[in-house]
Amino acid sequence: MVSGKRIFSDFKVFSRGYLRNKFGLFFGLVFPVILILIFGAIFAGGSTGKVNVYAQNLDTGPFPNGQNISAAFLDQLNASSTITVITVNPSENFSKYLADHSASDGIVIPANFTVNYITGHQLNLTVYGNPTSSTSGIVSGTVGGYANYFNLNYFQTKYNDTTPAIIDITPANVNTQQTKYIDFLIPGLIGFSILTSPMFSLVNISSEYKKSKLFKQLSLTPLTKMEWLASKMIWYIVLTIAGFLLMVGVGIFAFGAHVAITPWLIPFLILGPMLFAALGMLVGTVTKNPETAGVIGNIVTFPMMFLAGTFFPISSMPQYLQTFAHVLPLFYVTEGLNNAMVYGNISGTIIDIAVLGIITLVIFVLAVKLFKWRED
């Protein structure tokens, strides 16, 4: 039988030891805040790869002489080396559609685009984006370039007209409050903290305890393997919540961040530490020595740090890396936090919670099953 009393006793012993470890406290609480302060002061850089851009074409005709200029414009954008156009039904609320799909890059083609272009009347394209995202400049620059191309083409074919068409670009945001890089950085760094603190700590503890025969000594006590792991998970849940409050507080008060604090965040602050504590213990107990455990831990951890959307947007990566990112457990933590805190995409948040819950259950069961007090 699992004993809450034994779990709480082990929790007290472990937490006291952790609080005396200045190195662990630094990387658990202070280091993520330092990253927020550093990255929050730096404007987002560029990116590579084609960017997915949602496009809503409100130009439904009439099309003089069968010339659908709006469709031609979108075809040109889609054929570019920087943008992949994803069409959106004209009946959709475009801003809400972007938020529901956790996206910020979009284009709205206005009604009567073709007629106004042919007759030489000015028209405006609306380009949505996150002003601080590395993809925003790519989208606005590409759309502006093709708008200039269409303007030049109009001059060449309609040079006798006295009122040439001018395609202007109107910038817009999915959420006008979210205009800072820090808004999108905070969820990523919370995910980074959820990964690193329990993962590295449990890898080290598990391998060291095995080497020093502490697990063998613990096997002589009433404490069970599941209780031992549960106490560590509870501690890292507490540490994660404290780090979350600290990072959000620094982001809001130091940089004026606009992030939503919602009950939907609670599952990520619980399941995330549980998952990576179990994964750290699994890595530490299946390896032969602490040195090997550290190497394997880094091999498991570093791809998640850089390919799960912590520091760089997934949409700016090559397609094969985007596919690989969906295999990484941290992806569902960072995506879920972004959905809940930035986009307000509740349906996406629920899906991320469900996937994260399944992964956590599988890793937990494997960790308990493979974890042995004594070596064979």
Protein backbone atom coordinates (compact mmCIF):
# COMPACT_ATOMS: atom_id res chain seq x y z
CA MET A 1 0.00 0.00 0.00
CA VAL A 2 1.21 3.50 -0.86
CA SER A 3 1.65 5.54 2.33
CA GLY A 4 1.12 9.29 2.22
CA LYS A 5 2.96 9.58 5.53
CA ARG A 6 6.11 7.97 4.12
CA ILE A 7 5.89 10.12 0.99
CA PHE A 8 5.60 13.27 3.08
CA SER A 9 8.52 12.22 5.31
CA ASP A 10 10.78 11.60 2.33
CA PHE A 11 9.55 14.85 0.76
CA LYS A 12 10.63 16.82 3.85
CA VAL A 13 14.07 15.21 3.91
CA PHE A 14 14.65 15.75 0.20
CA SER A 15 13.36 19.34 0.14
CA ARG A 16 15.56 20.35 3.07
CA GLY A 17 18.60 18.93 1.35
CA TYR A 18 17.68 20.65 -1.91
CA LEU A 19 17.20 24.03 -0.23
CA ARG A 20 20.68 23.75 1.25
CA ASN A 21 22.10 23.17 -2.24
CA LYS A 22 22.75 26.66 -3.65
CA PHE A 23 23.75 25.20 -7.01
CA GLY A 24 20.40 23.42 -7.40
CA LEU A 25 18.42 26.48 -6.31
CA PHE A 26 20.32 28.66 -8.77
CA PHE A 27 19.47 26.51 -11.77
CA GLY A 28 15.96 25.76 -10.51
CA LEU A 29 14.83 29.33 -9.84
CA VAL A 30 17.43 31.97 -10.68
CA PHE A 31 18.80 30.78 -14.02
CA PRO A 32 15.44 30.89 -15.89
CA VAL A 33 14.89 34.43 -14.60
CA ILE A 34 18.33 35.44 -15.88
CA LEU A 35 17.38 34.04 -19.29
CA ILE A 36 14.17 36.10 -19.25
CA LEU A 37 16.15 39.23 -18.43
CA ILE A 38 18.66 38.53 -21.21
CA PHE A 39 16.27 37.47 -23.96
CA GLY A 40 13.66 40.00 -22.92
CA ALA A 41 16.17 42.76 -23.71
CA ILE A 42 17.00 41.34 -27.14
CA PHE A 43 14.75 41.71 -30.16
CA ALA A 44 13.93 38.45 -31.89
CA GLY A 45 16.28 37.57 -34.70
CA GLY A 46 15.68 36.08 -38.13
CA SER A 47 14.62 32.59 -39.08
CA THR A 48 14.97 30.10 -41.88
CA GLY A 49 12.61 27.91 -43.85
CA LYS A 50 9.19 28.57 -45.37
CA VAL A 51 6.63 30.15 -43.07
CA ASN A 52 3.04 28.91 -42.93
CA VAL A 53 0.72 31.89 -43.53
CA TYR A 54 -3.06 31.73 -43.30
CA ALA A 55 -4.81 33.69 -46.05
CA GLN A 56 -8.47 34.71 -46.26
CA ASN A 57 -9.61 35.85 -49.70
CA LEU A 58 -12.72 38.05 -49.47
CA ASP A 59 -12.57 38.86 -53.19
CA THR A 60 -15.47 36.79 -54.49
CA GLY A 61 -15.94 38.66 -57.74
CA PRO A 62 -17.07 39.86 -60.18
CA PHE A 63 -13.94 39.07 -62.21
CA PRO A 64 -13.81 41.18 -65.42
CA ASN A 65 -12.71 39.06 -68.39
CA GLY A 66 -12.18 36.14 -66.02
CA GLN A 67 -9.16 37.82 -64.39
CA ASN A 68 -9.03 36.72 -60.76
CA ILE A 69 -6.15 38.96 -59.63
CA SER A 70 -6.51 38.07 -55.93
CA ALA A 71 -6.07 34.36 -56.66
CA ALA A 72 -3.07 35.15 -58.84
CA PHE A 73 -1.55 37.22 -56.02
CA LEU A 74 -1.91 34.35 -53.53
CA ASP A 75 -0.52 31.88 -56.08
CA GLN A 76 2.55 34.09 -56.47
CA LEU A 77 3.02 34.21 -52.69
CA ASN A 78 2.67 30.44 -52.41
CA ALA A 79 5.26 29.95 -55.16
CA SER A 80 7.80 32.06 -53.26
CA SER A 81 10.70 30.53 -51.36
CA THR A 82 9.59 31.99 -48.02
CA ILE A 83 5.82 31.53 -47.64
CA THR A 84 3.40 28.62 -47.76
CA VAL A 85 -0.18 29.89 -48.11
CA ILE A 86 -2.95 28.09 -46.21
CA THR A 87 -6.40 29.27 -47.32
CA VAL A 88 -9.14 30.13 -44.83
CA ASN A 89 -12.86 30.13 -45.59
CA PRO A 90 -14.20 33.70 -46.09
CA SER A 91 -16.96 33.03 -43.55
CA GLU A 92 -14.46 32.58 -40.70
CA ASN A 93 -13.67 35.24 -38.11
CA PHE A 94 -10.05 35.61 -39.17
CA SER A 95 -8.55 36.88 -35.91
CA LYS A 96 -10.29 34.14 -33.94
CA TYR A 97 -9.25 31.56 -36.53
CA LEU A 98 -5.58 32.50 -36.09
CA ALA A 99 -5.86 32.31 -32.32
CA ASP A 100 -7.65 28.94 -32.48
CA HIS A 101 -4.80 27.59 -34.61
CA SER A 102 -2.10 29.11 -32.39
CA ALA A 103 -0.83 31.21 -35.28
CA SER A 104 -0.01 34.89 -35.73
CA ASP A 105 0.89 35.16 -39.44
CA GLY A 106 -1.97 35.84 -41.84
CA ILE A 107 -3.17 37.84 -44.86
CA VAL A 108 -6.63 39.17 -45.65
CA ILE A 109 -7.43 39.96 -49.29
CA PRO A 110 -10.16 42.62 -49.31
CA ALA A 111 -13.45 42.37 -51.19
CA ASN A 112 -13.43 43.69 -54.79
CA PHE A 113 -9.64 43.32 -54.95
CA THR A 114 -9.73 42.35 -58.62
CA VAL A 115 -12.14 45.10 -59.72
CA ASN A 116 -10.27 47.81 -57.82
CA TYR A 117 -6.94 46.66 -59.19
CA ILE A 118 -8.14 46.60 -62.80
CA THR A 119 -9.91 49.96 -62.53
CA GLY A 120 -6.94 51.59 -60.82
CA HIS A 121 -8.41 52.23 -57.41
CA GLN A 122 -6.30 52.01 -54.27
CA LEU A 123 -6.76 48.90 -52.13
CA ASN A 124 -5.30 47.60 -48.87
CA LEU A 125 -4.02 44.18 -47.90
CA THR A 126 -4.13 43.40 -44.17
CA VAL A 127 -1.12 41.45 -42.92
CA TYR A 128 -1.44 39.88 -39.45
CA GLY A 129 1.55 39.00 -37.35
CA ASN A 130 3.27 39.09 -34.01
CA PRO A 131 5.44 42.24 -34.23
CA THR A 132 8.23 40.60 -32.26
CA SER A 133 8.23 37.18 -33.94
CA SER A 134 11.10 36.29 -36.23
CA THR A 135 8.56 35.26 -38.88
CA SER A 136 6.64 38.56 -38.89
CA GLY A 137 9.31 40.43 -40.84
CA ILE A 138 9.56 37.59 -43.35
CA VAL A 139 5.82 37.62 -44.03
CA SER A 140 5.42 41.39 -44.26
CA GLY A 141 8.56 41.70 -46.40
CA THR A 142 7.46 38.99 -48.83
CA VAL A 143 3.92 40.35 -49.15
CA GLY A 144 5.29 43.87 -49.64
CA GLY A 145 7.67 42.64 -52.34
CA TYR A 146 4.93 40.96 -54.32
CA ALA A 147 2.67 44.00 -53.85
CA ASN A 148 5.40 46.11 -55.44
CA TYR A 149 5.68 43.58 -58.25
CA PHE A 150 1.94 43.81 -58.95
CA ASN A 151 2.10 47.61 -58.79
CA LEU A 152 4.94 47.64 -61.31
CA ASN A 153 3.05 45.24 -63.56
CA TYR A 154 0.03 47.54 -63.45
CA PHE A 155 2.14 50.56 -64.45
CA GLN A 156 3.62 48.63 -67.37
CA THR A 157 0.28 47.44 -68.73
CA LYS A 158 -1.87 50.46 -67.82
CA TYR A 159 0.61 53.29 -68.22
CA ASN A 160 -1.99 55.57 -69.91
CA ASP A 161 -4.22 55.51 -66.83
CA THR A 162 -4.13 58.59 -64.63
CA THR A 163 -5.09 56.70 -61.47
CA PRO A 164 -2.81 53.65 -61.23
CA ALA A 165 -3.60 50.98 -58.64
CA ILE A 166 -1.50 51.07 -55.49
CA ILE A 167 -1.55 48.03 -53.24
CA ASP A 168 -0.89 49.15 -49.67
CA ILE A 169 -0.01 46.91 -46.75
CA THR A 170 -1.92 47.36 -43.49
CA PRO A 171 -0.30 45.62 -40.48
CA ALA A 172 -2.51 44.00 -37.87
CA ASN A 173 -2.04 41.85 -34.76
CA VAL A 174 -3.96 38.84 -33.54
CA ASN A 175 -4.05 40.50 -30.13
CA THR A 176 -3.09 44.17 -30.03
CA GLN A 177 -2.00 43.85 -26.40
CA GLN A 178 0.62 41.22 -27.22
CA THR A 179 3.31 43.33 -28.81
CA LYS A 180 6.40 42.19 -26.92
CA TYR A 181 8.84 39.38 -27.46
CA ILE A 182 8.62 38.61 -23.74
CA ASP A 183 5.00 37.49 -24.16
CA PHE A 184 6.14 34.56 -26.26
CA LEU A 185 9.39 33.99 -24.36
CA ILE A 186 7.83 33.37 -20.94
CA PRO A 187 5.97 30.13 -21.87
CA GLY A 188 9.10 28.77 -23.55
CA LEU A 189 11.30 29.44 -20.53
CA ILE A 190 8.71 27.99 -18.16
CA GLY A 191 8.86 24.83 -20.29
CA PHE A 192 12.68 25.00 -20.18
CA SER A 193 12.56 25.13 -16.37
CA ILE A 194 10.04 22.28 -16.19
CA LEU A 195 12.44 20.15 -18.25
CA THR A 196 15.84 20.93 -16.76
CA SER A 197 15.30 21.03 -12.99
CA PRO A 198 13.75 17.58 -12.44
CA MET A 199 15.48 15.92 -15.39
CA PHE A 200 19.09 16.73 -14.55
CA SER A 201 18.54 16.35 -10.82
CA LEU A 202 16.92 12.90 -11.02
CA VAL A 203 19.49 11.66 -13.55
CA ASN A 204 22.25 12.61 -11.13
CA ILE A 205 20.48 11.38 -7.98
CA SER A 206 19.47 8.03 -9.47
CA SER A 207 22.91 7.20 -10.81
CA GLU A 208 24.74 8.44 -7.69
CA TYR A 209 22.44 6.55 -5.32
CA LYS A 210 22.99 3.41 -7.33
CA LYS A 211 26.77 3.84 -7.28
CA SER A 212 26.93 4.64 -3.56
CA LYS A 213 24.55 1.79 -2.67
CA LEU A 214 22.04 4.20 -1.11
CA PHE A 215 19.25 2.48 -3.00
CA LYS A 216 20.31 -0.77 -1.37
CA GLN A 217 20.04 0.89 2.04
CA LEU A 218 16.65 2.38 1.17
CA SER A 219 15.44 -1.11 0.27
CA LEU A 220 15.78 -2.00 3.95
CA THR A 221 13.28 0.71 4.92
CA PRO A 222 9.46 0.60 4.55
CA LEU A 223 9.72 3.22 1.76
CA THR A 224 8.66 1.82 -1.62
CA LYS A 225 10.04 2.73 -5.03
CA MET A 226 6.80 4.44 -6.04
CA GLU A 227 6.72 6.44 -2.81
CA TRP A 228 10.33 7.54 -3.29
CA LEU A 229 9.62 8.75 -6.82
CA ALA A 230 6.32 10.36 -5.79
CA SER A 231 8.04 12.47 -3.11
CA LYS A 232 10.52 13.76 -5.69
CA MET A 233 7.72 14.58 -8.13
CA ILE A 234 5.83 16.52 -5.46
CA TRP A 235 8.94 18.56 -4.66
CA TYR A 236 9.53 19.46 -8.30
CA ILE A 237 5.87 20.40 -8.71
CA VAL A 238 6.31 22.82 -5.80
CA LEU A 239 9.57 24.13 -7.29
CA THR A 240 7.94 24.51 -10.72
CA ILE A 241 5.04 26.53 -9.33
CA ALA A 242 7.47 28.79 -7.45
CA GLY A 243 9.56 29.27 -10.59
CA PHE A 244 6.43 29.91 -12.66
CA LEU A 245 5.28 32.69 -10.33
CA LEU A 246 8.76 34.20 -10.26
CA MET A 247 9.21 34.19 -14.05
CA VAL A 248 5.74 35.54 -14.78
CA GLY A 249 6.23 38.23 -12.14
CA VAL A 250 9.56 39.33 -13.62
CA GLY A 251 8.10 39.31 -17.14
CA ILE A 252 5.13 41.45 -16.13
CA PHE A 253 6.85 43.94 -13.84
CA ALA A 254 10.20 44.22 -15.65
CA PHE A 255 8.98 44.11 -19.26
CA GLY A 256 5.23 44.75 -19.13
CA ALA A 257 4.40 41.29 -20.50
CA HIS A 258 0.79 40.43 -21.37
CA VAL A 259 0.20 36.75 -20.61
CA ALA A 260 -2.99 35.06 -19.44
CA ILE A 261 -3.00 33.35 -16.04
CA THR A 262 -5.63 30.65 -16.34
CA PRO A 263 -6.56 27.39 -14.54
CA TRP A 264 -5.61 25.56 -17.76
CA LEU A 265 -1.96 26.10 -16.79
CA ILE A 266 -2.27 23.89 -13.70
CA PRO A 267 -2.08 20.52 -15.56
CA PHE A 268 1.19 21.57 -17.22
CA LEU A 269 2.70 22.66 -13.89
CA ILE A 270 1.83 19.23 -12.46
CA LEU A 271 2.25 16.80 -15.37
CA GLY A 272 5.45 18.44 -16.68
CA PRO A 273 7.55 17.93 -13.50
CA MET A 274 6.08 14.43 -13.07
CA LEU A 275 7.06 13.49 -16.60
CA PHE A 276 10.63 14.75 -16.50
CA ALA A 277 11.28 13.54 -12.96
CA ALA A 278 10.23 10.04 -14.06
CA LEU A 279 12.27 10.36 -17.26
CA GLY A 280 15.33 11.50 -15.30
CA MET A 281 15.01 8.58 -12.92
CA LEU A 282 14.55 6.21 -15.84
CA VAL A 283 17.75 7.46 -17.52
CA GLY A 284 19.70 7.39 -14.25
CA THR A 285 18.70 3.90 -13.21
CA VAL A 286 19.18 2.11 -16.56
CA THR A 287 22.75 3.38 -17.02
CA LYS A 288 25.84 1.79 -15.48
CA ASN A 289 27.50 4.82 -13.87
CA PRO A 290 26.97 8.56 -13.24
CA GLU A 291 29.22 9.59 -16.13
CA THR A 292 27.23 7.56 -18.64
CA ALA A 293 23.98 8.77 -17.12
CA GLY A 294 25.04 12.40 -17.56
CA VAL A 295 25.92 11.87 -21.21
CA ILE A 296 22.65 10.07 -21.98
CA GLY A 297 20.73 12.72 -20.03
CA ASN A 298 22.26 15.45 -22.19
CA ILE A 299 21.50 13.49 -25.36
CA VAL A 300 17.85 13.24 -24.32
CA THR A 301 17.54 16.80 -23.01
CA PHE A 302 19.35 19.05 -25.49
CA PRO A 303 17.28 18.20 -28.59
CA MET A 304 14.16 19.06 -26.59
CA MET A 305 15.66 22.37 -25.46
CA PHE A 306 16.22 23.63 -28.97
CA LEU A 307 13.67 21.76 -31.11
CA ALA A 308 10.52 21.93 -28.96
CA GLY A 309 9.80 25.63 -29.38
CA THR A 310 11.56 26.84 -26.22
CA PHE A 311 13.73 29.49 -27.86
CA PHE A 312 12.76 29.30 -31.54
CA PRO A 313 9.29 29.11 -33.15
CA ILE A 314 8.52 25.68 -34.62
CA SER A 315 7.06 27.31 -37.75
CA SER A 316 10.45 28.76 -38.69
CA MET A 317 12.11 25.33 -38.80
CA PRO A 318 12.41 23.01 -41.82
CA GLN A 319 9.48 20.66 -42.21
CA TYR A 320 11.41 17.54 -41.16
CA LEU A 321 12.39 19.24 -37.89
CA GLN A 322 8.80 20.33 -37.33
CA THR A 323 7.76 16.68 -37.70
CA PHE A 324 10.51 15.55 -35.31
CA ALA A 325 9.46 18.19 -32.76
CA HIS A 326 6.05 16.50 -32.39
CA VAL A 327 7.84 13.41 -31.03
CA LEU A 328 9.45 15.37 -28.17
CA PRO A 329 7.52 15.46 -24.87
CA LEU A 330 8.60 19.04 -24.17
CA PHE A 331 6.84 20.17 -27.36
CA TYR A 332 3.45 19.51 -25.77
CA VAL A 333 4.46 21.45 -22.66
CA THR A 334 5.64 24.56 -24.52
CA GLU A 335 2.84 24.41 -27.10
CA GLY A 336 0.25 23.96 -24.37
CA LEU A 337 1.64 26.87 -22.35
CA ASN A 338 1.59 29.07 -25.46
CA ASN A 339 -1.95 28.01 -26.27
CA ALA A 340 -3.12 28.83 -22.74
CA MET A 341 -1.06 31.96 -22.01
CA VAL A 342 -0.71 33.65 -25.40
CA TYR A 343 -3.30 32.46 -27.91
CA GLY A 344 -6.20 31.57 -25.64
CA ASN A 345 -6.65 28.40 -27.71
CA ILE A 346 -8.51 26.21 -25.21
CA SER A 347 -9.20 23.32 -27.59
CA GLY A 348 -5.50 23.14 -28.47
CA THR A 349 -4.63 23.33 -24.77
CA ILE A 350 -6.89 20.37 -23.97
CA ILE A 351 -5.29 18.26 -26.70
CA ASP A 352 -1.81 19.08 -25.38
CA ILE A 353 -2.88 18.16 -21.83
CA ALA A 354 -4.28 14.83 -23.05
CA VAL A 355 -1.11 13.93 -24.98
CA LEU A 356 1.11 15.04 -22.10
CA GLY A 357 -0.95 12.98 -19.65
CA ILE A 358 -0.54 9.83 -21.76
CA ILE A 359 3.21 10.34 -22.15
CA THR A 360 3.59 10.99 -18.41
CA LEU A 361 1.70 7.82 -17.51
CA VAL A 362 3.82 5.69 -19.86
CA ILE A 363 7.15 7.11 -18.62
CA PHE A 364 6.06 6.83 -14.98
CA VAL A 365 5.09 3.16 -15.38
CA LEU A 366 8.38 2.39 -17.16
CA ALA A 367 10.41 4.22 -14.52
CA VAL A 368 8.77 2.35 -11.63
CA LYS A 369 9.01 -0.98 -13.45
CA LEU A 370 12.69 -0.64 -14.39
CA PHE A 371 13.75 1.06 -11.15
CA LYS A 372 15.37 -1.47 -8.78
CA TRP A 373 16.57 -0.93 -5.23
CA ARG A 374 19.21 -3.63 -5.72
CA GLU A 375 21.30 -4.54 -8.76
CA ASP A 376 20.92 -8.03 -10.16
